[in-house]
Amino acid sequence: MELVKESKQEKLIKRNNRIRERFAFFTDVKHFNSNHALDLLADEYLPLEKDTIWLIVRRTGHYKNL
């Protein structure tokens, strides 16, 4: 059971890293406003809300270690 839980954790870590990389791309390379970048990411990662994506990007709260 722990192996399954670990693989879920790994998937979440990979997803969160992709979100951080995309946010950095939108803000650093494309020079988008952070609010616009969050809107684009919310559309791309549809089940997640804008506030959740912001927590992932800033590594705060529950997403600190993920």
Protein backbone atom coordinates (compact mmCIF):
# COMPACT_ATOMS: atom_id res chain seq x y z
CA MET A 1 0.00 0.00 0.00
CA GLU A 2 2.86 2.39 0.76
CA LEU A 3 4.30 1.82 -2.71
CA VAL A 4 1.05 3.01 -4.26
CA LYS A 5 0.96 6.02 -1.95
CA GLU A 6 4.56 6.84 -2.82
CA SER A 7 3.85 6.75 -6.54
CA LYS A 8 0.93 9.16 -6.02
CA GLN A 9 3.26 11.43 -4.10
CA GLU A 10 5.79 11.28 -6.93
CA LYS A 11 3.11 12.18 -9.46
CA LEU A 12 2.07 15.18 -7.37
CA ILE A 13 5.66 16.34 -7.07
CA LYS A 14 6.15 16.06 -10.84
CA ARG A 15 2.91 17.93 -11.52
CA ASN A 16 3.83 20.69 -9.09
CA ASN A 17 7.27 21.03 -10.67
CA ARG A 18 5.67 21.32 -14.12
CA ILE A 19 3.38 24.04 -12.79
CA ARG A 20 6.34 25.93 -11.32
CA GLU A 21 8.29 25.61 -14.58
CA ARG A 22 5.34 26.84 -16.66
CA PHE A 23 4.79 29.77 -14.30
CA ALA A 24 8.47 30.70 -14.56
CA PHE A 25 8.26 30.43 -18.36
CA PHE A 26 5.18 32.66 -18.53
CA THR A 27 6.60 35.30 -16.20
CA ASP A 28 10.32 35.24 -17.06
CA VAL A 29 10.38 34.40 -20.77
CA LYS A 30 7.02 35.66 -21.98
CA HIS A 31 6.95 38.54 -19.45
CA PHE A 32 3.30 37.96 -18.60
CA ASN A 33 1.75 39.49 -15.51
CA SER A 34 1.58 36.92 -12.69
CA ASN A 35 -2.24 37.12 -12.61
CA HIS A 36 -2.41 36.37 -16.33
CA ALA A 37 0.04 33.49 -15.90
CA LEU A 38 -2.12 32.09 -13.09
CA ASP A 39 -5.21 32.33 -15.33
CA LEU A 40 -3.42 30.42 -18.08
CA LEU A 41 -2.28 27.74 -15.65
CA ALA A 42 -5.76 27.45 -14.17
CA ASP A 43 -7.07 26.78 -17.68
CA GLU A 44 -4.28 24.30 -18.37
CA TYR A 45 -4.67 22.43 -15.06
CA LEU A 46 -8.44 22.62 -15.00
CA PRO A 47 -9.28 20.85 -11.71
CA LEU A 48 -6.97 23.20 -9.78
CA GLU A 49 -8.09 26.65 -8.76
CA LYS A 50 -6.03 29.81 -9.15
CA ASP A 51 -5.38 30.02 -5.39
CA THR A 52 -4.12 26.45 -5.26
CA ILE A 53 -1.75 27.06 -8.16
CA TRP A 54 -0.43 30.16 -6.39
CA LEU A 55 0.30 28.07 -3.27
CA ILE A 56 2.13 25.51 -5.42
CA VAL A 57 4.19 28.17 -7.17
CA ARG A 58 5.14 29.91 -3.92
CA ARG A 59 5.72 26.60 -2.07
CA THR A 60 3.58 27.63 0.88
CA GLY A 61 1.19 25.78 3.13
CA HIS A 62 0.55 22.15 2.29
CA TYR A 63 2.64 22.43 -0.90
CA LYS A 64 5.82 23.50 0.92
CA ASN A 65 7.58 20.16 0.52
CA LEU A 66 5.93 19.06 -2.72
